[in-house]
Protein backbone atom coordinates (compact mmCIF):
# COMPACT_ATOMS: atom_id res chain seq x y z
CA MET A 1 122.62 179.55 237.18
CA LYS A 2 119.94 182.11 238.20
CA LEU A 3 122.24 184.96 237.21
CA PHE A 4 122.83 183.29 233.85
CA ILE A 5 119.07 182.96 233.20
CA LEU A 6 118.55 186.62 234.13
CA PHE A 7 121.33 187.52 231.70
CA LEU A 8 119.54 185.64 228.90
CA VAL A 9 116.21 187.31 229.69
CA ASN A 10 117.84 190.75 229.58
CA MET A 11 119.67 189.79 226.39
CA LEU A 12 116.38 188.89 224.72
CA LYS A 13 114.56 191.84 226.35
CA LEU A 14 111.33 189.95 226.90
CA ARG A 15 108.33 192.27 226.84
CA ASP A 16 105.55 191.99 229.39
CA TYR A 17 103.13 190.35 226.96
CA GLN A 18 105.85 187.90 225.82
CA GLU A 19 106.28 186.78 229.44
CA GLU A 20 102.48 186.35 229.64
CA TYR A 21 102.56 184.15 226.52
CA ILE A 22 105.32 181.95 227.95
CA GLN A 23 103.52 181.59 231.28
CA GLU A 24 100.24 180.67 229.57
CA LEU A 25 101.98 178.09 227.37
CA ARG A 26 103.53 176.52 230.45
CA THR A 27 100.15 176.51 232.21
CA GLN A 28 98.47 174.75 229.29
CA ILE A 29 101.27 172.19 229.10
CA SER A 30 100.96 171.49 232.83
CA GLN A 31 97.27 170.75 232.21
CA GLY A 32 98.15 168.04 229.69
CA LYS A 33 97.72 170.10 226.51
CA ASN A 34 101.07 169.39 224.89
CA ARG A 35 100.21 170.56 221.35
CA LEU A 36 99.61 174.32 221.28
CA ILE A 37 99.35 177.17 218.81
CA LEU A 38 101.33 180.27 219.79
CA CYS A 39 99.30 182.98 218.04
CA ALA A 40 100.79 186.48 218.01
CA PRO A 41 100.59 189.27 215.41
CA THR A 42 103.34 189.83 212.90
CA GLY A 43 106.06 191.79 214.68
CA ALA A 44 105.15 190.52 218.18
CA GLY A 45 108.37 188.50 218.46
CA LYS A 46 107.22 184.88 218.14
CA THR A 47 110.79 183.77 217.39
CA VAL A 48 112.02 185.43 220.59
CA MET A 49 109.31 183.69 222.61
CA PHE A 50 109.85 180.15 221.38
CA SER A 51 113.65 180.64 221.39
CA PHE A 52 113.50 181.44 225.09
CA MET A 53 111.33 178.37 225.72
CA VAL A 54 113.78 176.19 223.79
CA SER A 55 116.65 177.58 225.84
CA GLU A 56 114.88 176.79 229.12
CA HIS A 57 113.86 173.34 227.86
CA LEU A 58 117.43 172.39 226.94
CA LYS A 59 118.68 173.50 230.36
CA ARG A 60 116.35 170.91 231.91
CA GLY A 61 117.86 168.19 229.74
CA GLY A 62 115.32 168.24 226.92
CA LYS A 63 115.94 167.89 223.19
CA ALA A 64 114.42 170.25 220.63
CA ILE A 65 113.99 170.82 216.91
CA ILE A 66 112.55 173.77 215.01
CA PHE A 67 111.01 173.41 211.56
CA THR A 68 110.70 176.20 208.98
CA HIS A 69 109.51 176.18 205.39
CA ARG A 70 111.96 178.51 203.66
CA PHE A 71 115.69 179.23 203.63
CA GLU A 72 115.34 182.82 204.90
CA LEU A 73 113.33 181.60 207.92
CA LEU A 74 115.90 178.88 208.55
CA LYS A 75 118.63 181.47 208.83
CA GLN A 76 116.46 183.72 211.01
CA ALA A 77 115.58 180.94 213.46
CA SER A 78 119.16 179.74 213.89
CA GLY A 79 120.27 183.37 214.34
CA ALA A 80 117.85 183.80 217.26
CA PHE A 81 119.31 180.69 218.91
CA ASN A 82 122.84 181.99 218.45
CA LYS A 83 121.93 185.12 220.43
CA LEU A 84 121.13 182.81 223.34
CA GLY A 85 124.45 181.07 223.05
CA LEU A 86 122.80 177.92 221.69
CA LYS A 87 124.41 175.87 218.97
CA ALA A 88 121.87 174.49 216.54
CA ASN A 89 122.83 171.70 214.17
CA LEU A 90 121.34 172.55 210.76
CA ILE A 91 119.73 169.73 208.85
CA SER A 92 120.29 170.58 205.20
CA GLY A 93 121.53 169.04 201.98
CA LYS A 94 124.97 170.60 202.46
CA THR A 95 125.58 169.88 206.16
CA LYS A 96 126.32 166.72 208.10
CA THR A 97 123.69 165.85 210.69
CA ASP A 98 124.96 165.48 214.24
CA PHE A 99 122.54 162.94 215.69
CA LYS A 100 123.80 163.60 219.23
CA ALA A 101 123.10 167.35 219.14
CA PRO A 102 120.33 168.44 221.57
CA LEU A 103 119.09 171.14 219.18
CA HIS A 104 118.37 170.91 215.44
CA VAL A 105 116.91 173.33 212.91
CA SER A 106 115.53 172.10 209.60
CA MET A 107 113.46 173.06 206.61
CA VAL A 108 110.41 170.81 206.50
CA GLU A 109 110.90 169.64 202.90
CA THR A 110 114.55 168.72 203.56
CA PHE A 111 113.55 166.69 206.61
CA ASN A 112 110.72 164.98 204.74
CA ARG A 113 113.08 163.86 201.96
CA ARG A 114 115.33 162.27 204.58
CA LYS A 115 112.61 161.11 206.98
CA ILE A 116 113.64 157.45 206.86
CA GLU A 117 117.05 158.18 208.36
CA LEU A 118 115.79 161.02 210.60
CA THR A 119 112.59 159.56 212.12
CA ASN A 120 114.38 158.16 215.18
CA LEU A 121 116.00 161.57 215.76
CA LEU A 122 112.57 163.21 215.69
CA GLN A 123 111.10 160.57 218.02
CA GLU A 124 113.72 161.51 220.61
CA LYS A 125 112.82 165.20 220.56
CA THR A 126 110.84 166.39 223.56
CA LEU A 127 110.06 169.86 222.13
CA ILE A 128 109.13 170.52 218.50
CA ILE A 129 108.56 174.02 217.09
CA PHE A 130 106.78 174.72 213.79
CA ASP A 131 107.34 178.27 212.51
CA GLU A 132 104.37 179.53 210.40
CA ALA A 133 102.37 176.55 211.64
CA HIS A 134 99.25 177.37 209.62
CA LEU A 135 100.95 176.16 206.42
CA LEU A 136 99.86 172.79 205.08
CA ASN A 137 103.33 171.34 204.43
CA PHE A 138 103.96 170.76 208.14
CA GLU A 139 101.25 168.08 208.21
CA LYS A 140 103.59 165.46 206.74
CA ILE A 141 105.83 165.69 209.82
CA MET A 142 103.09 165.38 212.44
CA PRO A 143 102.58 161.56 212.23
CA LEU A 144 106.30 161.04 212.93
CA ILE A 145 106.24 162.88 216.29
CA ASN A 146 106.23 161.07 219.63
CA ASP A 147 102.85 161.47 221.37
CA SER A 148 104.49 162.65 224.57
CA SER A 149 106.50 165.42 222.87
CA ILE A 150 105.54 169.07 223.33
CA VAL A 151 104.59 170.68 220.01
CA ILE A 152 104.30 174.47 219.62
CA GLY A 153 103.08 175.90 216.34
CA ALA A 154 103.95 179.59 216.01
CA THR A 155 101.87 181.72 213.64
CA ALA A 156 100.24 185.12 213.34
CA THR A 157 97.32 183.64 211.42
CA PRO A 158 96.07 180.22 212.65
CA TYR A 159 93.64 179.77 209.79
CA ARG A 160 92.77 176.93 207.44
CA LYS A 161 90.16 177.00 204.69
CA PRO A 162 87.05 174.90 205.40
CA LYS A 163 88.01 172.15 202.92
CA GLU A 164 91.56 171.84 204.30
CA ALA A 165 92.65 169.76 207.30
CA GLN A 166 91.84 171.89 210.34
CA LEU A 167 94.32 172.84 213.05
CA LYS A 168 92.11 171.07 215.62
CA ASP A 169 93.29 167.80 214.07
CA PHE A 170 96.84 168.57 215.25
CA TYR A 171 96.60 170.99 218.21
CA HIS A 172 94.76 171.14 221.53
CA ALA A 173 94.41 174.90 222.05
CA ILE A 174 95.39 178.40 220.89
CA VAL A 175 97.35 180.74 223.16
CA HIS A 176 96.51 184.29 222.06
CA LYS A 177 97.40 186.88 224.69
CA ALA A 178 97.83 190.03 222.58
CA ASP A 179 96.23 191.27 219.36
CA THR A 180 97.32 193.93 216.88
CA PRO A 181 95.48 196.88 218.53
CA ASP A 182 96.93 195.84 221.91
CA LEU A 183 100.49 196.00 220.58
CA ILE A 184 99.84 199.33 218.85
CA ASN A 185 98.61 200.73 222.16
CA LYS A 186 101.73 199.37 223.88
CA ASN A 187 103.90 201.06 221.21
CA GLN A 188 105.20 197.67 220.09
CA LEU A 189 103.75 197.98 216.58
CA THR A 190 103.48 201.01 214.31
CA GLN A 191 100.23 202.79 213.41
CA ALA A 192 99.04 202.38 209.82
CA LYS A 193 97.68 204.93 207.35
CA SER A 194 95.55 203.11 204.78
CA TYR A 195 94.76 204.27 201.26
CA GLY A 196 92.57 202.54 198.73
CA ILE A 197 90.32 202.87 195.73
CA PRO A 198 87.53 200.57 194.52
CA ILE A 199 88.87 198.27 191.79
CA ASP A 200 86.32 196.56 189.54
CA LEU A 201 87.17 192.87 189.96
CA LYS A 202 83.89 191.55 188.58
CA GLY A 203 84.47 188.69 186.20
CA LEU A 204 88.12 188.44 187.21
CA LYS A 205 89.38 184.87 186.83
CA LYS A 206 90.75 182.92 189.76
CA THR A 207 93.60 180.46 189.92
CA ALA A 208 93.23 177.34 192.06
CA THR A 209 93.41 179.41 195.25
CA ASP A 210 93.33 183.15 194.51
CA TYR A 211 92.62 185.97 192.06
CA ASP A 212 94.52 186.10 188.78
CA THR A 213 95.20 189.79 188.26
CA SER A 214 97.92 189.48 185.62
CA SER A 215 95.93 190.57 182.57
CA TYR A 216 93.66 192.98 184.50
CA TYR A 217 96.46 195.12 185.91
CA SER A 218 98.42 195.09 182.66
CA GLU A 219 95.51 195.94 180.37
CA ASN A 220 94.37 198.79 182.64
CA LYS A 221 97.94 200.04 183.12
CA THR A 222 97.40 199.96 186.87
CA TYR A 223 101.18 200.01 187.35
CA GLN A 224 101.18 203.64 186.23
CA GLY A 225 98.66 204.47 188.96
CA VAL A 226 100.89 202.69 191.47
CA VAL A 227 103.85 204.95 190.73
CA LYS A 228 101.76 208.14 190.61
CA ASN A 229 100.07 207.41 193.95
CA TRP A 230 103.34 206.34 195.56
CA GLU A 231 104.87 209.66 194.44
CA ARG A 232 101.94 211.57 195.94
CA ILE A 233 101.63 209.66 199.22
CA ALA A 234 104.94 207.97 200.02
CA LYS A 235 107.69 209.23 197.74
CA ASN A 236 111.25 208.18 198.66
CA THR A 237 110.11 205.88 201.48
CA LYS A 238 111.48 202.35 201.79
CA THR A 239 108.76 200.33 200.08
CA ILE A 240 107.79 196.70 199.59
CA LEU A 241 105.30 195.72 196.87
CA PHE A 242 103.40 192.43 196.73
CA ALA A 243 102.21 191.15 193.36
CA SER A 244 100.18 188.03 192.60
CA ASN A 245 102.52 186.88 189.82
CA VAL A 246 106.04 187.45 188.54
CA SER A 247 105.02 189.34 185.41
CA ASN A 248 103.05 191.95 187.37
CA SER A 249 105.92 192.45 189.81
CA VAL A 250 108.44 192.89 186.99
CA GLU A 251 106.06 195.25 185.20
CA VAL A 252 105.59 197.66 188.08
CA CYS A 253 109.30 197.44 188.97
CA SER A 254 110.13 198.52 185.41
CA GLU A 255 107.75 201.48 185.75
CA PHE A 256 109.55 202.60 188.93
CA LEU A 257 112.93 202.23 187.21
CA LYS A 258 111.67 204.17 184.19
CA LYS A 259 110.89 207.09 186.51
CA GLY A 260 114.40 206.93 187.99
CA TYR A 261 113.59 205.29 191.33
CA ASN A 262 115.69 202.69 193.15
CA ALA A 263 113.75 199.45 192.55
CA LYS A 264 114.46 195.73 192.24
CA HIS A 265 112.34 192.63 191.69
CA VAL A 266 112.68 189.31 193.54
CA ASP A 267 110.77 186.03 193.33
CA GLY A 268 111.07 182.38 194.33
CA THR A 269 112.52 181.22 191.01
CA MET A 270 115.79 183.02 191.76
CA GLY A 271 118.70 181.23 193.38
CA LYS A 272 119.50 181.65 197.09
CA SER A 273 122.59 183.73 196.34
CA GLU A 274 120.73 186.13 194.04
CA ARG A 275 117.88 186.50 196.54
CA LYS A 276 120.37 187.16 199.34
CA ASN A 277 122.10 189.91 197.33
CA ILE A 278 118.77 191.61 196.63
CA PHE A 279 117.68 191.45 200.28
CA ASP A 280 121.07 192.81 201.37
CA TRP A 281 120.62 195.68 198.93
CA PHE A 282 117.14 196.34 200.29
CA ASN A 283 118.44 196.32 203.85
CA ASN A 284 121.19 198.84 203.11
CA THR A 285 119.30 201.21 200.79
CA PRO A 286 117.09 203.83 202.54
CA ASP A 287 114.85 204.59 199.53
CA ALA A 288 114.72 201.05 198.13
CA ILE A 289 111.60 199.69 196.46
CA LEU A 290 111.36 195.88 196.54
CA CYS A 291 108.80 194.38 194.16
CA ASN A 292 108.23 190.72 194.95
CA CYS A 293 106.03 187.75 194.24
CA GLY A 294 105.58 185.09 196.94
CA ILE A 295 108.92 185.55 198.67
CA ALA A 296 108.62 188.15 201.45
CA THR A 297 105.22 187.45 203.00
CA THR A 298 106.33 185.52 206.11
CA GLY A 299 109.28 185.81 208.46
CA PHE A 300 110.82 188.76 206.61
CA ASP A 301 111.97 191.24 209.25
CA GLN A 302 112.85 194.62 207.75
CA HIS A 303 111.96 197.14 210.42
CA ASP A 304 112.43 200.34 208.40
CA ILE A 305 109.79 199.57 205.74
CA LEU A 306 107.53 202.63 205.56
CA THR A 307 105.19 201.69 202.72
CA VAL A 308 103.43 198.45 201.78
CA ILE A 309 101.84 198.27 198.32
CA LEU A 310 99.23 195.57 197.77
CA TYR A 311 99.42 195.23 194.00
CA ARG A 312 97.11 192.25 194.08
CA ALA A 313 93.72 191.07 195.28
CA THR A 314 93.54 188.06 197.58
CA VAL A 315 90.80 185.94 199.15
CA SER A 316 93.16 184.91 201.95
CA LEU A 317 92.90 186.79 205.25
CA PRO A 318 96.20 185.32 206.53
CA LEU A 319 98.01 186.45 203.38
CA PHE A 320 96.54 189.96 203.71
CA LEU A 321 97.68 190.25 207.33
CA GLN A 322 101.11 188.79 206.60
CA MET A 323 101.75 191.21 203.72
CA VAL A 324 100.64 194.32 205.59
CA GLY A 325 102.51 193.20 208.70
CA ARG A 326 105.84 193.70 206.91
CA GLY A 327 105.46 197.43 207.57
CA SER A 328 104.25 197.27 211.17
CA ARG A 329 107.57 196.84 212.96
CA LEU A 330 109.10 199.65 214.99
CA SER A 331 112.08 201.60 213.72
CA ASP A 332 113.90 204.83 214.58
CA ASN A 333 111.88 207.98 213.75
CA LYS A 334 109.05 205.84 212.35
CA THR A 335 105.68 207.29 213.35
CA HIS A 336 103.49 205.28 210.96
CA PHE A 337 103.58 203.18 207.82
CA ASN A 338 101.48 203.46 204.66
CA ILE A 339 99.24 200.82 203.09
CA LEU A 340 98.48 201.41 199.40
CA ASP A 341 95.72 198.96 198.48
CA PHE A 342 95.10 198.28 194.79
CA GLY A 343 92.97 195.15 195.27
CA ASN A 344 89.94 196.02 197.45
CA ASN A 345 91.61 194.01 200.23
CA ILE A 346 90.71 196.42 203.04
CA SER A 347 87.07 196.50 202.00
CA ARG A 348 87.15 192.68 201.84
CA PHE A 349 88.84 191.97 205.19
CA GLY A 350 88.53 195.17 207.20
CA PHE A 351 91.43 197.30 208.39
CA TRP A 352 94.72 195.62 209.25
CA GLU A 353 94.49 196.87 212.84
CA GLU A 354 91.14 195.17 213.52
CA ARG A 355 90.82 192.90 216.57
CA ARG A 356 90.33 189.32 215.38
CA GLU A 357 89.21 186.06 216.93
CA TRP A 358 91.05 182.88 215.93
CA LYS A 359 89.85 179.29 216.21
CA LEU A 360 91.33 175.84 215.64
CA GLU A 361 88.49 175.06 213.26
CA TYR A 362 86.89 177.35 210.69
CA LEU A 363 83.68 176.74 208.80
CA LYS A 364 82.09 178.84 206.08
CA LYS A 365 79.68 180.34 208.60
CA ASP A 366 82.68 181.67 210.56
CA LYS A 367 83.73 183.96 207.72
CA GLU A 368 84.10 187.53 208.94
CA SER A 369 81.33 189.91 208.01
CA VAL A 370 82.96 193.08 206.72
CA MET A 371 80.89 196.22 206.34
CA PRO A 372 80.46 197.25 202.65
CA THR A 373 82.13 200.61 202.15
CA LYS A 374 82.46 203.43 199.65
CA GLU A 375 84.79 206.39 199.33
CA CYS A 376 83.79 210.04 199.52
CA PRO A 377 85.08 211.79 196.38
CA GLY A 378 85.34 215.02 198.36
CA CYS A 379 87.60 214.07 201.28
CA GLY A 380 88.42 210.38 200.80
CA TYR A 381 86.58 209.24 203.94
CA ILE A 382 85.39 205.61 203.83
CA MET A 383 81.84 204.94 205.03
CA ARG A 384 78.90 202.56 204.72
CA LEU A 385 77.79 201.76 201.21
CA ASN A 386 74.23 203.05 201.78
CA ALA A 387 75.26 206.43 203.27
CA VAL A 388 73.68 209.39 201.45
CA GLU A 389 75.92 212.02 203.05
CA CYS A 390 79.56 212.06 204.14
CA VAL A 391 79.81 212.49 207.91
CA GLU A 392 83.20 214.19 207.52
CA CYS A 393 82.63 216.87 204.89
CA GLY A 394 78.88 216.78 204.24
CA HIS A 395 79.18 215.70 200.59
CA GLU A 396 75.86 214.39 199.22
CA PHE A 397 75.94 211.28 197.02
CA LYS A 398 73.88 212.24 194.00
CA ASN A 399 74.99 210.90 190.60
CA VAL A 400 78.66 211.17 191.52
CA LYS A 401 80.97 210.65 188.56
CA VAL A 402 83.89 208.36 189.37
CA LYS A 403 87.31 209.56 188.24
CA LYS A 404 88.85 207.35 185.58
CA GLU A 405 92.39 207.89 186.79
CA ILE A 406 93.37 205.84 189.81
CA GLU A 407 93.91 207.97 192.90
CA LEU A 408 94.17 206.39 196.32
CA LYS A 409 92.40 208.04 199.25
CA ARG A 410 93.07 207.79 202.98
CA LEU A 411 90.97 205.09 204.65
CA GLU A 412 90.01 205.90 208.23
CA ARG A 413 89.22 203.16 210.74
CA PRO A 414 86.24 204.08 212.98
CA THR A 415 87.52 204.93 216.47
CA TRP A 416 85.00 202.60 218.12
CA LYS A 417 86.21 199.45 216.39
CA GLY A 418 88.08 197.06 218.67
CA LYS A 419 87.03 198.84 221.87
CA PHE A 420 85.00 197.36 224.68
CA ILE A 421 81.42 198.64 224.64
CA LYS A 422 81.72 200.25 228.08
CA GLU A 423 84.79 202.23 226.96
CA LEU A 424 82.96 204.05 224.15
CA THR A 425 82.46 207.81 224.35
CA VAL A 426 79.07 209.44 223.89
CA ASP A 427 80.06 210.61 220.39
CA GLU A 428 81.07 207.06 219.44
CA LEU A 429 77.79 205.66 220.73
CA ILE A 430 75.87 208.25 218.72
CA GLN A 431 77.83 207.32 215.58
CA ILE A 432 77.10 203.62 216.11
CA GLU A 433 73.41 204.34 216.67
CA GLU A 434 73.13 206.47 213.54
CA MET A 435 74.83 203.72 211.51
CA LYS A 436 72.06 201.45 212.83
CA LYS A 437 74.64 199.04 214.26
CA PHE A 438 72.82 199.12 217.62
CA LYS A 439 69.24 200.03 218.45
CA ALA A 440 68.68 203.34 220.28
CA SER A 441 67.22 201.51 223.28
CA PHE A 442 70.43 199.50 223.68
CA VAL A 443 72.56 202.65 223.41
CA TRP A 444 70.42 204.25 226.13
CA ARG A 445 71.04 201.26 228.40
CA ILE A 446 74.81 201.61 227.89
CA LEU A 447 74.53 205.32 228.73
CA ARG A 448 72.59 204.55 231.91
CA SER A 449 75.43 202.26 232.98
CA LYS A 450 77.86 205.16 232.45
CA GLY A 451 75.92 207.58 234.67
CA ILE A 452 73.85 210.77 234.62
CA GLU A 453 76.51 213.00 233.02
CA SER A 454 76.75 210.73 229.97
CA LEU A 455 72.95 210.72 229.67
CA ARG A 456 72.87 214.52 229.88
CA THR A 457 75.61 214.92 227.23
CA TYR A 458 73.74 212.53 224.93
CA GLN A 459 70.46 214.43 225.46
CA GLN A 460 72.11 217.75 224.57
CA LYS A 461 73.83 216.38 221.47
CA LYS A 462 70.64 214.71 220.22
CA GLY A 463 68.44 217.70 221.07
CA TYR A 464 66.03 215.60 223.17
CA LYS A 465 63.49 217.23 225.52
CA PRO A 466 64.16 217.28 229.32
CA PHE A 467 61.52 214.59 229.97
CA TRP A 468 63.70 212.08 228.04
CA LEU A 469 66.54 212.62 230.51
CA GLN A 470 64.20 212.34 233.46
CA SER A 471 62.76 209.06 232.20
CA GLN A 472 66.26 207.64 231.72
CA ILE A 473 67.38 208.68 235.21
CA GLN A 474 64.37 206.83 236.63
CA LYS A 475 65.70 203.68 234.92
CA ILE A 476 69.30 204.23 236.04
CA GLN A 477 69.31 200.90 237.88
CA ASP A 478 68.72 199.10 234.57
CA ASN A 479 72.42 199.07 233.66
CA SER A 480 73.16 195.37 233.12
CA VAL A 481 75.36 195.56 230.02
CA THR A 482 77.75 192.76 229.05
CA ASN A 483 81.14 194.26 228.21
CA PHE A 484 82.06 193.03 224.72
CA ILE A 485 84.36 194.17 221.91
CA VAL A 486 82.65 196.17 219.14
CA LYS A 487 83.50 194.97 215.64
């Protein structure tokens, strides 16, 4: 049996951080917390992690079920189980339910329609998995679950809006062992190159939940700027485009086709067979451009995507991270992926690779504070809104005329973001001080904790007199600095 388990581990190729997740989940469960959020970035392998836990649970005589919210995720989840040699009975409108099977996989809406006949089956399950657990439609299943059952909600973005039912109402804790910058550093996710341009969204109407960009993008012919910038930055790369509505997606797809590029549109109104054919085409076509609306944001694993186009503006941080995450997976000869932002999303939420803190409950006061930015017309560097000079090329901001034609510029993430304060270099500390993020006195205290050489380097770079260094050395014992992550 031990050899068999080792075979399964090798087959799944569990990464070190995935083993840490599984161990922490088990620890929390042993402490009586049987309803847990498994929070890991897009591309971290959440399906692999909970598949392994299901496999181990079944070996001990348990019974499990996994819930998804869309057909493509249903197929993906059952495929992961098949790799472990597990046979999952699919609960669908076209299959017969085997009530004696130890493992079931179901779409949540299908199960809900048949809940009267399936409630007893659910009550018998000792392990329940919700894939994309932040979505609201899983709530209808929760009251049917046995209190003693283990519930694991897998998601990259455990977030609910303040007026929605909070995750704390359903879960006891979040297990979050690795964040996006951690996985980039471990070479488990791909670096991003971000490009953007300020889009004037003032007065733009909103639907019930998000921006309505349909008329704005059409009237301003933004789709033409999409193709021109894609040709300049990412020509002939496998590309996925996210639009806020079907008409915008079709419009920009037509513009790509007009220029002779290999593009197709897909959306949720299409039948399963048609969607499958389009996704198969995308998978097998190296230079494919897939324009979509609301169909490829979650659970869509296409590792060779090199460019993500955000042809929409959103107020949803989870949606932003899910869309961009489609390009973050590793692939052969893939050194980075491109983000082409046509909706001010990066200025609204920060860079995709930011370190983020997740909670089971979010209030309005918890909303992330993102630094207002502007773009240097000389080099494209993104900096604070109130900067009078570009720190990269020295351009002075005096009555700068904005180009009418849309042209994306590279967005650079400050090197100090996401690092622990004690890891910062002298140059990074100087940059933070000059941006007035920290007071000079606090920066000096950090330098004292780093030692005399750091103080001397700082003194030379700032042009301070020798007596400054001497006074700081006298205070060298005053080095009590709490090590925190700089945001």
